[in-house]
């Protein structure tokens, strides 16, 4: 709602090109904040604590919002457009963020989760070793469990960990000595995901459990047939022609870029691209943050905003004949 209101406000102003770029760059902060709340490929509990990471990301974002407010204040005295609305939106965004990061109960919970997660990571590293015997792995786990009892580990962690390893000690270490026993169920999950992905895409749904429950067996056979060689009774029945599907059904005599583009309503295509591009902006930030990290993205954003602000101030100063050197 905050994002949509800011879009409408910016569009109603009709600012000059340089100021429009500046406003768009500030608007990117709302895109970044929205992307932080989206589900990423790392969001797989318990291997990644999305909400713990989100807490520290919001902490960094709040500092960047404050920095952006300072830049806007420095620019506002040099432009004819009243930028108070921009300050109001960023102050509102910062208020929402600070309500989370300044909450003592949330902060305490985050620190506790980080302590527990550190124990989990130690266990994961030990169990992830593939060059040791089951006996050696068991000894390392026993040493870790004893250390949890003696050191200042979070309350209750020792009891839970000790109980779990005691319950499964007869089965847990077999995989290290028997090559036919998989250490994890990752291969099974990969197959399930590979089976369900086209189902979700074909039906336009986020979940496919109902379909898998009723059609899972036949879908599995079909999945295997797709990857099997097309040989029946010794005869190869695979399609060997180099014709494309459009050529086979007679839509096109020959496939070329020109022929394909002639089939497209270009005006409709342009409108669709513009619409999809606007919807895709949040996802682009999600991918940037995933690849570069939020700290790097915010650092680049701050540098670009300062450069735009400096350019706007220099332009305005040159018009009125003042010294154009500016430090932000």
C-alpha atoms as a PDB file:
ATOM      1  CA  UNK A   1       0.000   0.000   0.000  1.00  0.00           C
ATOM      2  CA  UNK A   2       2.876   2.365   0.863  1.00  0.00           C
ATOM      3  CA  UNK A   3       4.563   1.413  -2.410  1.00  0.00           C
ATOM      4  CA  UNK A   4       1.486   2.030  -4.570  1.00  0.00           C
ATOM      5  CA  UNK A   5       0.820   5.388  -2.941  1.00  0.00           C
ATOM      6  CA  UNK A   6       4.394   6.501  -3.664  1.00  0.00           C
ATOM      7  CA  UNK A   7       4.099   5.409  -7.328  1.00  0.00           C
ATOM      8  CA  UNK A   8       0.943   7.504  -7.777  1.00  0.00           C
ATOM      9  CA  UNK A   9       2.577  10.506  -6.087  1.00  0.00           C
ATOM     10  CA  UNK A  10       5.680  10.332  -8.322  1.00  0.00           C
ATOM     11  CA  UNK A  11       3.608   9.926 -11.515  1.00  0.00           C
ATOM     12  CA  UNK A  12       1.474  12.963 -10.635  1.00  0.00           C
ATOM     13  CA  UNK A  13       4.533  15.234 -10.323  1.00  0.00           C
ATOM     14  CA  UNK A  14       5.967  14.943 -13.850  1.00  0.00           C
ATOM     15  CA  UNK A  15       9.495  15.813 -12.601  1.00  0.00           C
ATOM     16  CA  UNK A  16      12.452  16.554 -14.932  1.00  0.00           C
ATOM     17  CA  UNK A  17      14.506  13.497 -16.072  1.00  0.00           C
ATOM     18  CA  UNK A  18      17.323  13.871 -13.520  1.00  0.00           C
ATOM     19  CA  UNK A  19      14.917  14.221 -10.611  1.00  0.00           C
ATOM     20  CA  UNK A  20      12.781  11.319 -11.900  1.00  0.00           C
ATOM     21  CA  UNK A  21      15.870   9.079 -11.787  1.00  0.00           C
ATOM     22  CA  UNK A  22      16.548  10.278  -8.254  1.00  0.00           C
ATOM     23  CA  UNK A  23      12.962   9.525  -7.170  1.00  0.00           C
ATOM     24  CA  UNK A  24      13.114   6.088  -8.822  1.00  0.00           C
ATOM     25  CA  UNK A  25      16.317   5.305  -6.969  1.00  0.00           C
ATOM     26  CA  UNK A  26      14.658   6.205  -3.651  1.00  0.00           C
ATOM     27  CA  UNK A  27      11.666   4.097  -4.667  1.00  0.00           C
ATOM     28  CA  UNK A  28      14.064   1.142  -5.057  1.00  0.00           C
ATOM     29  CA  UNK A  29      14.249   1.022  -1.256  1.00  0.00           C
ATOM     30  CA  UNK A  30      10.617  -0.077  -1.139  1.00  0.00           C
ATOM     31  CA  UNK A  31      11.389  -2.733  -3.754  1.00  0.00           C
ATOM     32  CA  UNK A  32      14.332  -3.932  -1.667  1.00  0.00           C
ATOM     33  CA  UNK A  33      12.268  -4.077   1.527  1.00  0.00           C
ATOM     34  CA  UNK A  34       9.575  -6.079  -0.318  1.00  0.00           C
ATOM     35  CA  UNK A  35      12.147  -8.465  -1.769  1.00  0.00           C
ATOM     36  CA  UNK A  36      13.489  -9.205   1.726  1.00  0.00           C
ATOM     37  CA  UNK A  37      10.075 -10.629   2.642  1.00  0.00           C
ATOM     38  CA  UNK A  38       9.875 -12.873  -0.417  1.00  0.00           C
ATOM     39  CA  UNK A  39      10.738 -16.548  -0.249  1.00  0.00           C
ATOM     40  CA  UNK A  40      14.229 -17.350  -1.490  1.00  0.00           C
ATOM     41  CA  UNK A  41      15.878 -20.617  -2.496  1.00  0.00           C
ATOM     42  CA  UNK A  42      17.861 -20.450   0.765  1.00  0.00           C
ATOM     43  CA  UNK A  43      14.690 -20.473   2.840  1.00  0.00           C
ATOM     44  CA  UNK A  44      14.869 -24.156   3.830  1.00  0.00           C
ATOM     45  CA  UNK A  45      14.382 -24.689   7.544  1.00  0.00           C
ATOM     46  CA  UNK A  46      16.362 -25.740   9.538  1.00  0.00           C
ATOM     47  CA  UNK A  47      19.381 -25.334   7.237  1.00  0.00           C
ATOM     48  CA  UNK A  48      18.729 -21.620   6.890  1.00  0.00           C
ATOM     49  CA  UNK A  49      16.937 -19.410   9.430  1.00  0.00           C
ATOM     50  CA  UNK A  50      15.194 -16.944   7.125  1.00  0.00           C
ATOM     51  CA  UNK A  51      13.639 -14.855   9.898  1.00  0.00           C
ATOM     52  CA  UNK A  52      16.908 -14.498  11.809  1.00  0.00           C
ATOM     53  CA  UNK A  53      18.601 -13.302   8.627  1.00  0.00           C
ATOM     54  CA  UNK A  54      15.635 -10.995   7.960  1.00  0.00           C
ATOM     55  CA  UNK A  55      16.062  -9.351  11.380  1.00  0.00           C
ATOM     56  CA  UNK A  56      19.664  -8.324  10.608  1.00  0.00           C
ATOM     57  CA  UNK A  57      18.724  -7.345   7.037  1.00  0.00           C
ATOM     58  CA  UNK A  58      16.065  -4.987   8.376  1.00  0.00           C
ATOM     59  CA  UNK A  59      18.652  -3.588  10.784  1.00  0.00           C
ATOM     60  CA  UNK A  60      20.948  -2.741   7.820  1.00  0.00           C
ATOM     61  CA  UNK A  61      18.022  -1.457   5.750  1.00  0.00           C
ATOM     62  CA  UNK A  62      17.030   0.963   8.525  1.00  0.00           C
ATOM     63  CA  UNK A  63      20.498   2.519   8.466  1.00  0.00           C
ATOM     64  CA  UNK A  64      20.276   2.912   4.696  1.00  0.00           C
ATOM     65  CA  UNK A  65      16.843   4.567   4.950  1.00  0.00           C
ATOM     66  CA  UNK A  66      18.277   7.083   7.435  1.00  0.00           C
ATOM     67  CA  UNK A  67      21.164   7.775   5.046  1.00  0.00           C
ATOM     68  CA  UNK A  68      18.696   8.301   2.178  1.00  0.00           C
ATOM     69  CA  UNK A  69      16.719  10.774   4.263  1.00  0.00           C
ATOM     70  CA  UNK A  70      19.874  12.848   4.795  1.00  0.00           C
ATOM     71  CA  UNK A  71      20.536  12.858   1.028  1.00  0.00           C
ATOM     72  CA  UNK A  72      16.927  13.919   0.279  1.00  0.00           C
ATOM     73  CA  UNK A  73      17.230  16.805   2.768  1.00  0.00           C
ATOM     74  CA  UNK A  74      20.389  18.007   0.995  1.00  0.00           C
ATOM     75  CA  UNK A  75      18.652  17.899  -2.413  1.00  0.00           C
ATOM     76  CA  UNK A  76      15.304  19.391  -1.367  1.00  0.00           C
ATOM     77  CA  UNK A  77      16.743  22.923  -1.148  1.00  0.00           C
ATOM     78  CA  UNK A  78      17.856  22.857  -4.803  1.00  0.00           C
ATOM     79  CA  UNK A  79      14.725  21.611  -6.607  1.00  0.00           C
ATOM     80  CA  UNK A  80      11.386  23.259  -7.255  1.00  0.00           C
ATOM     81  CA  UNK A  81       9.448  20.107  -6.348  1.00  0.00           C
ATOM     82  CA  UNK A  82       8.476  19.734  -2.687  1.00  0.00           C
ATOM     83  CA  UNK A  83      10.102  16.468  -1.538  1.00  0.00           C
ATOM     84  CA  UNK A  84       8.348  16.393   1.820  1.00  0.00           C
ATOM     85  CA  UNK A  85       6.134  13.527   0.615  1.00  0.00           C
ATOM     86  CA  UNK A  86       9.294  11.477  -0.031  1.00  0.00           C
ATOM     87  CA  UNK A  87      10.573  12.121   3.481  1.00  0.00           C
ATOM     88  CA  UNK A  88       7.175  11.149   4.896  1.00  0.00           C
ATOM     89  CA  UNK A  89       7.178   7.808   3.054  1.00  0.00           C
ATOM     90  CA  UNK A  90      10.724   6.934   4.115  1.00  0.00           C
ATOM     91  CA  UNK A  91      10.018   7.959   7.712  1.00  0.00           C
ATOM     92  CA  UNK A  92       6.959   5.690   7.642  1.00  0.00           C
ATOM     93  CA  UNK A  93       9.049   2.819   6.251  1.00  0.00           C
ATOM     94  CA  UNK A  94      11.733   3.385   8.887  1.00  0.00           C
ATOM     95  CA  UNK A  95       9.101   3.456  11.635  1.00  0.00           C
ATOM     96  CA  UNK A  96       7.796   0.059  10.526  1.00  0.00           C
ATOM     97  CA  UNK A  97      11.317  -1.388  10.465  1.00  0.00           C
ATOM     98  CA  UNK A  98      12.375   0.080  13.829  1.00  0.00           C
ATOM     99  CA  UNK A  99       9.234  -1.326  15.423  1.00  0.00           C
ATOM    100  CA  UNK A 100      10.746  -4.758  14.707  1.00  0.00           C
ATOM    101  CA  UNK A 101      14.481  -4.266  15.264  1.00  0.00           C
ATOM    102  CA  UNK A 102      14.034  -2.242  18.473  1.00  0.00           C
ATOM    103  CA  UNK A 103      11.737  -4.828  20.068  1.00  0.00           C
ATOM    104  CA  UNK A 104      13.700  -6.321  22.998  1.00  0.00           C
ATOM    105  CA  UNK A 105      11.784  -9.619  22.950  1.00  0.00           C
ATOM    106  CA  UNK A 106      12.513 -10.143  19.229  1.00  0.00           C
ATOM    107  CA  UNK A 107      16.183  -9.258  19.709  1.00  0.00           C
ATOM    108  CA  UNK A 108      16.491 -11.728  22.589  1.00  0.00           C
ATOM    109  CA  UNK A 109      14.793 -14.467  20.565  1.00  0.00           C
ATOM    110  CA  UNK A 110      17.112 -13.877  17.593  1.00  0.00           C
ATOM    111  CA  UNK A 111      20.225 -14.229  19.764  1.00  0.00           C
ATOM    112  CA  UNK A 112      18.872 -17.439  21.309  1.00  0.00           C
ATOM    113  CA  UNK A 113      18.074 -18.911  17.882  1.00  0.00           C
ATOM    114  CA  UNK A 114      21.589 -18.066  16.682  1.00  0.00           C
ATOM    115  CA  UNK A 115      23.087 -19.952  19.632  1.00  0.00           C
ATOM    116  CA  UNK A 116      20.917 -23.009  18.922  1.00  0.00           C
ATOM    117  CA  UNK A 117      21.675 -22.804  15.204  1.00  0.00           C
ATOM    118  CA  UNK A 118      25.412 -22.812  15.936  1.00  0.00           C
ATOM    119  CA  UNK A 119      24.987 -26.178  17.720  1.00  0.00           C
ATOM    120  CA  UNK A 120      22.961 -27.502  14.795  1.00  0.00           C
ATOM    121  CA  UNK A 121      25.715 -26.455  12.366  1.00  0.00           C
ATOM    122  CA  UNK A 122      28.347 -28.290  14.417  1.00  0.00           C
ATOM    123  CA  UNK A 123      26.242 -31.460  14.300  1.00  0.00           C
ATOM    124  CA  UNK A 124      25.683 -31.025  10.573  1.00  0.00           C
ATOM    125  CA  UNK A 125      29.427 -30.702   9.887  1.00  0.00           C
ATOM    126  CA  UNK A 126      30.189 -33.880  11.828  1.00  0.00           C
ATOM    127  CA  UNK A 127      27.440 -35.937  10.169  1.00  0.00           C
ATOM    128  CA  UNK A 128      28.392 -34.554   6.741  1.00  0.00           C
ATOM    129  CA  UNK A 129      31.794 -36.257   6.745  1.00  0.00           C
ATOM    130  CA  UNK A 130      31.902 -39.079   4.216  1.00  0.00           C
ATOM    131  CA  UNK A 131      35.494 -40.231   4.666  1.00  0.00           C
ATOM    132  CA  UNK A 132      35.070 -41.674   8.168  1.00  0.00           C
ATOM    133  CA  UNK A 133      33.564 -44.844   9.601  1.00  0.00           C
ATOM    134  CA  UNK A 134      30.342 -44.994  11.563  1.00  0.00           C
ATOM    135  CA  UNK A 135      32.320 -45.623  14.734  1.00  0.00           C
ATOM    136  CA  UNK A 136      34.440 -42.476  14.230  1.00  0.00           C
ATOM    137  CA  UNK A 137      31.367 -40.331  13.542  1.00  0.00           C
ATOM    138  CA  UNK A 138      29.634 -41.706  16.634  1.00  0.00           C
ATOM    139  CA  UNK A 139      32.654 -40.865  18.788  1.00  0.00           C
ATOM    140  CA  UNK A 140      32.691 -37.267  17.522  1.00  0.00           C
ATOM    141  CA  UNK A 141      28.970 -36.899  18.203  1.00  0.00           C
ATOM    142  CA  UNK A 142      29.405 -38.300  21.712  1.00  0.00           C
ATOM    143  CA  UNK A 143      32.196 -35.791  22.399  1.00  0.00           C
ATOM    144  CA  UNK A 144      29.998 -32.925  21.176  1.00  0.00           C
ATOM    145  CA  UNK A 145      27.018 -33.998  23.297  1.00  0.00           C
ATOM    146  CA  UNK A 146      29.207 -34.192  26.416  1.00  0.00           C
ATOM    147  CA  UNK A 147      30.580 -30.708  25.688  1.00  0.00           C
ATOM    148  CA  UNK A 148      27.014 -29.340  25.457  1.00  0.00           C
ATOM    149  CA  UNK A 149      26.352 -30.610  28.955  1.00  0.00           C
ATOM    150  CA  UNK A 150      29.449 -28.966  30.389  1.00  0.00           C
ATOM    151  CA  UNK A 151      29.552 -25.593  28.582  1.00  0.00           C
ATOM    152  CA  UNK A 152      27.111 -22.677  28.547  1.00  0.00           C
ATOM    153  CA  UNK A 153      24.857 -24.036  25.807  1.00  0.00           C
ATOM    154  CA  UNK A 154      21.276 -22.708  25.590  1.00  0.00           C
ATOM    155  CA  UNK A 155      18.860 -24.153  28.131  1.00  0.00           C
ATOM    156  CA  UNK A 156      17.232 -27.392  27.001  1.00  0.00           C
ATOM    157  CA  UNK A 157      19.532 -27.977  24.014  1.00  0.00           C
ATOM    158  CA  UNK A 158      21.585 -30.693  25.704  1.00  0.00           C
ATOM    159  CA  UNK A 159      18.514 -32.712  26.724  1.00  0.00           C
ATOM    160  CA  UNK A 160      16.981 -32.566  23.226  1.00  0.00           C
ATOM    161  CA  UNK A 161      20.229 -33.428  21.402  1.00  0.00           C
ATOM    162  CA  UNK A 162      21.177 -36.215  23.833  1.00  0.00           C
ATOM    163  CA  UNK A 163      17.705 -37.771  23.571  1.00  0.00           C
ATOM    164  CA  UNK A 164      17.646 -37.690  19.754  1.00  0.00           C
ATOM    165  CA  UNK A 165      21.050 -39.304  19.306  1.00  0.00           C
ATOM    166  CA  UNK A 166      20.215 -41.950  21.914  1.00  0.00           C
ATOM    167  CA  UNK A 167      16.937 -42.783  20.133  1.00  0.00           C
ATOM    168  CA  UNK A 168      18.526 -43.276  16.701  1.00  0.00           C
ATOM    169  CA  UNK A 169      22.029 -44.517  17.533  1.00  0.00           C
ATOM    170  CA  UNK A 170      21.318 -48.008  16.129  1.00  0.00           C
ATOM    171  CA  UNK A 171      20.371 -46.719  12.658  1.00  0.00           C
ATOM    172  CA  UNK A 172      22.093 -43.354  12.313  1.00  0.00           C
ATOM    173  CA  UNK A 173      25.661 -44.542  11.634  1.00  0.00           C
ATOM    174  CA  UNK A 174      24.984 -47.496   9.286  1.00  0.00           C
ATOM    175  CA  UNK A 175      25.248 -45.321   6.146  1.00  0.00           C
ATOM    176  CA  UNK A 176      28.945 -44.605   6.793  1.00  0.00           C
ATOM    177  CA  UNK A 177      29.855 -48.309   6.523  1.00  0.00           C
ATOM    178  CA  UNK A 178      27.286 -49.504   3.957  1.00  0.00           C
ATOM    179  CA  UNK A 179      27.350 -47.945   0.471  1.00  0.00           C
ATOM    180  CA  UNK A 180      23.780 -49.118  -0.227  1.00  0.00           C
ATOM    181  CA  UNK A 181      22.330 -47.035   2.607  1.00  0.00           C
ATOM    182  CA  UNK A 182      22.024 -43.338   1.588  1.00  0.00           C
ATOM    183  CA  UNK A 183      23.165 -40.790   4.157  1.00  0.00           C
ATOM    184  CA  UNK A 184      20.282 -38.413   3.341  1.00  0.00           C
ATOM    185  CA  UNK A 185      16.959 -38.496   1.495  1.00  0.00           C
ATOM    186  CA  UNK A 186      18.073 -35.717  -0.893  1.00  0.00           C
ATOM    187  CA  UNK A 187      17.892 -37.942  -3.996  1.00  0.00           C
ATOM    188  CA  UNK A 188      14.303 -38.899  -3.189  1.00  0.00           C
ATOM    189  CA  UNK A 189      13.335 -35.266  -2.607  1.00  0.00           C
ATOM    190  CA  UNK A 190      15.032 -34.188  -5.841  1.00  0.00           C
ATOM    191  CA  UNK A 191      13.000 -36.758  -7.772  1.00  0.00           C
ATOM    192  CA  UNK A 192       9.762 -35.632  -6.114  1.00  0.00           C
ATOM    193  CA  UNK A 193      10.507 -31.989  -6.910  1.00  0.00           C
ATOM    194  CA  UNK A 194      11.425 -32.860 -10.502  1.00  0.00           C
ATOM    195  CA  UNK A 195       8.097 -34.673 -10.821  1.00  0.00           C
ATOM    196  CA  UNK A 196       5.975 -31.950  -9.218  1.00  0.00           C
ATOM    197  CA  UNK A 197       7.578 -28.903 -10.873  1.00  0.00           C
ATOM    198  CA  UNK A 198       5.992 -29.352 -14.336  1.00  0.00           C
ATOM    199  CA  UNK A 199       2.672 -30.199 -12.648  1.00  0.00           C
ATOM    200  CA  UNK A 200       2.682 -26.879 -10.772  1.00  0.00           C
ATOM    201  CA  UNK A 201       3.713 -24.975 -13.898  1.00  0.00           C
ATOM    202  CA  UNK A 202       1.085 -26.659 -16.063  1.00  0.00           C
ATOM    203  CA  UNK A 203      -1.720 -26.007 -13.590  1.00  0.00           C
ATOM    204  CA  UNK A 204      -0.554 -22.562 -12.474  1.00  0.00           C
ATOM    205  CA  UNK A 205      -0.527 -23.614  -8.816  1.00  0.00           C
ATOM    206  CA  UNK A 206       1.955 -23.295  -5.998  1.00  0.00           C
ATOM    207  CA  UNK A 207       1.147 -26.780  -4.664  1.00  0.00           C
ATOM    208  CA  UNK A 208       0.620 -30.123  -6.373  1.00  0.00           C
ATOM    209  CA  UNK A 209      -0.140 -32.525  -3.532  1.00  0.00           C
ATOM    210  CA  UNK A 210      -3.713 -33.299  -4.660  1.00  0.00           C
ATOM    211  CA  UNK A 211      -2.526 -34.244  -8.140  1.00  0.00           C
ATOM    212  CA  UNK A 212       0.400 -36.301  -6.843  1.00  0.00           C
ATOM    213  CA  UNK A 213      -1.864 -38.102  -4.375  1.00  0.00           C
ATOM    214  CA  UNK A 214      -4.236 -39.240  -7.141  1.00  0.00           C
ATOM    215  CA  UNK A 215      -1.940 -39.394 -10.202  1.00  0.00           C
ATOM    216  CA  UNK A 216       1.482 -39.857  -8.621  1.00  0.00           C
ATOM    217  CA  UNK A 217       2.042 -43.453  -9.760  1.00  0.00           C
ATOM    218  CA  UNK A 218       1.124 -42.890 -13.423  1.00  0.00           C
ATOM    219  CA  UNK A 219       3.020 -39.556 -13.456  1.00  0.00           C
ATOM    220  CA  UNK A 220       6.118 -41.378 -12.206  1.00  0.00           C
ATOM    221  CA  UNK A 221       5.872 -43.946 -15.015  1.00  0.00           C
ATOM    222  CA  UNK A 222       5.480 -41.104 -17.522  1.00  0.00           C
ATOM    223  CA  UNK A 223       8.461 -39.264 -16.045  1.00  0.00           C
ATOM    224  CA  UNK A 224      10.624 -42.359 -16.494  1.00  0.00           C
ATOM    225  CA  UNK A 225       9.369 -42.920 -20.051  1.00  0.00           C
ATOM    226  CA  UNK A 226      10.382 -39.387 -21.010  1.00  0.00           C
ATOM    227  CA  UNK A 227      13.959 -40.171 -20.049  1.00  0.00           C
ATOM    228  CA  UNK A 228      14.019 -43.681 -21.557  1.00  0.00           C
ATOM    229  CA  UNK A 229      15.385 -44.409 -25.056  1.00  0.00           C
ATOM    230  CA  UNK A 230      12.629 -44.511 -27.696  1.00  0.00           C
ATOM    231  CA  UNK A 231      13.225 -48.094 -28.779  1.00  0.00           C
ATOM    232  CA  UNK A 232      10.330 -50.547 -29.128  1.00  0.00           C
ATOM    233  CA  UNK A 233      10.961 -54.155 -30.171  1.00  0.00           C
ATOM    234  CA  UNK A 234      14.407 -53.209 -31.365  1.00  0.00           C
ATOM    235  CA  UNK A 235      13.116 -50.373 -33.582  1.00  0.00           C
ATOM    236  CA  UNK A 236      14.012 -46.747 -32.881  1.00  0.00           C
ATOM    237  CA  UNK A 237      10.764 -44.724 -32.889  1.00  0.00           C
ATOM    238  CA  UNK A 238      12.236 -41.359 -31.895  1.00  0.00           C
ATOM    239  CA  UNK A 239      11.604 -38.316 -34.145  1.00  0.00           C
ATOM    240  CA  UNK A 240      14.678 -37.756 -36.258  1.00  0.00           C
ATOM    241  CA  UNK A 241      13.464 -34.851 -38.412  1.00  0.00           C
ATOM    242  CA  UNK A 242      15.002 -31.441 -37.824  1.00  0.00           C
ATOM    243  CA  UNK A 243      11.639 -29.749 -38.413  1.00  0.00           C
ATOM    244  CA  UNK A 244      10.271 -27.664 -35.575  1.00  0.00           C
ATOM    245  CA  UNK A 245       6.727 -28.202 -34.220  1.00  0.00           C
ATOM    246  CA  UNK A 246       5.538 -25.048 -36.072  1.00  0.00           C
ATOM    247  CA  UNK A 247       6.810 -26.490 -39.361  1.00  0.00           C
ATOM    248  CA  UNK A 248       5.292 -29.927 -38.739  1.00  0.00           C
ATOM    249  CA  UNK A 249       1.749 -28.580 -38.287  1.00  0.00           C
ATOM    250  CA  UNK A 250       2.077 -26.233 -41.245  1.00  0.00           C
ATOM    251  CA  UNK A 251       1.954 -22.881 -39.434  1.00  0.00           C
ATOM    252  CA  UNK A 252       5.235 -21.857 -41.075  1.00  0.00           C
ATOM    253  CA  UNK A 253       6.954 -23.139 -44.214  1.00  0.00           C
ATOM    254  CA  UNK A 254      10.355 -22.335 -42.764  1.00  0.00           C
ATOM    255  CA  UNK A 255      11.324 -21.056 -39.347  1.00  0.00           C
ATOM    256  CA  UNK A 256      13.101 -17.708 -39.210  1.00  0.00           C
ATOM    257  CA  UNK A 257      13.097 -14.729 -36.874  1.00  0.00           C
ATOM    258  CA  UNK A 258      11.225 -12.673 -39.476  1.00  0.00           C
ATOM    259  CA  UNK A 259       8.490 -15.286 -39.961  1.00  0.00           C
ATOM    260  CA  UNK A 260       7.974 -15.730 -36.238  1.00  0.00           C
ATOM    261  CA  UNK A 261       7.871 -11.982 -35.552  1.00  0.00           C
ATOM    262  CA  UNK A 262       5.256 -11.552 -38.289  1.00  0.00           C
ATOM    263  CA  UNK A 263       2.936 -13.795 -36.268  1.00  0.00           C
ATOM    264  CA  UNK A 264       3.204 -11.523 -33.196  1.00  0.00           C
ATOM    265  CA  UNK A 265       0.980  -8.576 -32.315  1.00  0.00           C
ATOM    266  CA  UNK A 266       3.819  -6.178 -31.479  1.00  0.00           C
ATOM    267  CA  UNK A 267       1.674  -3.597 -29.725  1.00  0.00           C
ATOM    268  CA  UNK A 268       0.275  -6.280 -27.411  1.00  0.00           C
ATOM    269  CA  UNK A 269       3.778  -7.701 -26.907  1.00  0.00           C
ATOM    270  CA  UNK A 270       5.148  -4.278 -25.894  1.00  0.00           C
ATOM    271  CA  UNK A 271       2.337  -3.731 -23.361  1.00  0.00           C
ATOM    272  CA  UNK A 272       2.898  -7.216 -21.940  1.00  0.00           C
ATOM    273  CA  UNK A 273       6.658  -6.680 -21.620  1.00  0.00           C
ATOM    274  CA  UNK A 274       6.196  -3.335 -19.819  1.00  0.00           C
ATOM    275  CA  UNK A 275       3.622  -4.870 -17.469  1.00  0.00           C
ATOM    276  CA  UNK A 276       5.734  -7.936 -16.718  1.00  0.00           C
ATOM    277  CA  UNK A 277       8.879  -5.861 -16.269  1.00  0.00           C
ATOM    278  CA  UNK A 278       7.188  -3.795 -13.541  1.00  0.00           C
ATOM    279  CA  UNK A 279       6.027  -6.986 -11.812  1.00  0.00           C
ATOM    280  CA  UNK A 280       9.516  -8.444 -12.080  1.00  0.00           C
ATOM    281  CA  UNK A 281      11.408  -5.642 -10.309  1.00  0.00           C
ATOM    282  CA  UNK A 282      11.027  -7.168  -6.832  1.00  0.00           C
ATOM    283  CA  UNK A 283      12.291 -10.538  -8.107  1.00  0.00           C
ATOM    284  CA  UNK A 284      15.317  -8.823  -9.665  1.00  0.00           C
ATOM    285  CA  UNK A 285      16.225  -7.374  -6.270  1.00  0.00           C
ATOM    286  CA  UNK A 286      15.681 -10.812  -4.701  1.00  0.00           C
ATOM    287  CA  UNK A 287      18.219 -12.316  -7.113  1.00  0.00           C
ATOM    288  CA  UNK A 288      20.687  -9.446  -6.624  1.00  0.00           C
ATOM    289  CA  UNK A 289      20.536  -9.809  -2.847  1.00  0.00           C
ATOM    290  CA  UNK A 290      20.928 -13.579  -3.117  1.00  0.00           C
ATOM    291  CA  UNK A 291      24.018 -13.279  -5.348  1.00  0.00           C
ATOM    292  CA  UNK A 292      25.731 -10.155  -3.938  1.00  0.00           C
ATOM    293  CA  UNK A 293      24.372  -9.918  -0.399  1.00  0.00           C
ATOM    294  CA  UNK A 294      22.197  -7.157   1.022  1.00  0.00           C
ATOM    295  CA  UNK A 295      25.135  -5.142   2.387  1.00  0.00           C
ATOM    296  CA  UNK A 296      26.710  -4.843  -1.082  1.00  0.00           C
ATOM    297  CA  UNK A 297      23.362  -3.966  -2.717  1.00  0.00           C
ATOM    298  CA  UNK A 298      22.643  -1.234  -0.164  1.00  0.00           C
ATOM    299  CA  UNK A 299      26.182   0.119  -0.511  1.00  0.00           C
ATOM    300  CA  UNK A 300      25.814   0.404  -4.310  1.00  0.00           C
ATOM    301  CA  UNK A 301      22.340   1.912  -3.941  1.00  0.00           C
ATOM    302  CA  UNK A 302      23.653   4.555  -1.557  1.00  0.00           C
ATOM    303  CA  UNK A 303      26.553   5.412  -3.902  1.00  0.00           C
ATOM    304  CA  UNK A 304      24.235   5.753  -6.916  1.00  0.00           C
ATOM    305  CA  UNK A 305      21.765   7.928  -4.989  1.00  0.00           C
ATOM    306  CA  UNK A 306      24.559  10.217  -3.787  1.00  0.00           C
ATOM    307  CA  UNK A 307      25.882  10.529  -7.353  1.00  0.00           C
ATOM    308  CA  UNK A 308      22.412  11.475  -8.637  1.00  0.00           C
ATOM    309  CA  UNK A 309      21.946  13.977  -5.804  1.00  0.00           C
ATOM    310  CA  UNK A 310      25.326  15.550  -6.516  1.00  0.00           C
ATOM    311  CA  UNK A 311      24.438  15.808 -10.231  1.00  0.00           C
ATOM    312  CA  UNK A 312      21.095  17.507  -9.485  1.00  0.00           C
ATOM    313  CA  UNK A 313      22.674  20.011  -7.086  1.00  0.00           C
ATOM    314  CA  UNK A 314      25.483  20.774  -9.588  1.00  0.00           C
ATOM    315  CA  UNK A 315      22.939  21.387 -12.361  1.00  0.00           C
ATOM    316  CA  UNK A 316      20.894  23.754 -10.195  1.00  0.00           C
ATOM    317  CA  UNK A 317      24.002  25.615  -9.014  1.00  0.00           C
ATOM    318  CA  UNK A 318      25.294  26.035 -12.566  1.00  0.00           C
ATOM    319  CA  UNK A 319      21.952  27.579 -13.573  1.00  0.00           C
ATOM    320  CA  UNK A 320      22.162  30.249 -10.881  1.00  0.00           C
ATOM    321  CA  UNK A 321      25.919  30.709 -11.368  1.00  0.00           C
ATOM    322  CA  UNK A 322      27.126  29.300  -8.023  1.00  0.00           C
ATOM    323  CA  UNK A 323      30.076  27.067  -7.200  1.00  0.00           C
ATOM    324  CA  UNK A 324      29.030  23.597  -8.371  1.00  0.00           C
ATOM    325  CA  UNK A 325      31.361  21.623  -6.055  1.00  0.00           C
ATOM    326  CA  UNK A 326      29.234  19.618  -3.611  1.00  0.00           C
ATOM    327  CA  UNK A 327      29.984  17.114  -0.854  1.00  0.00           C
ATOM    328  CA  UNK A 328      27.290  14.752   0.390  1.00  0.00           C
END
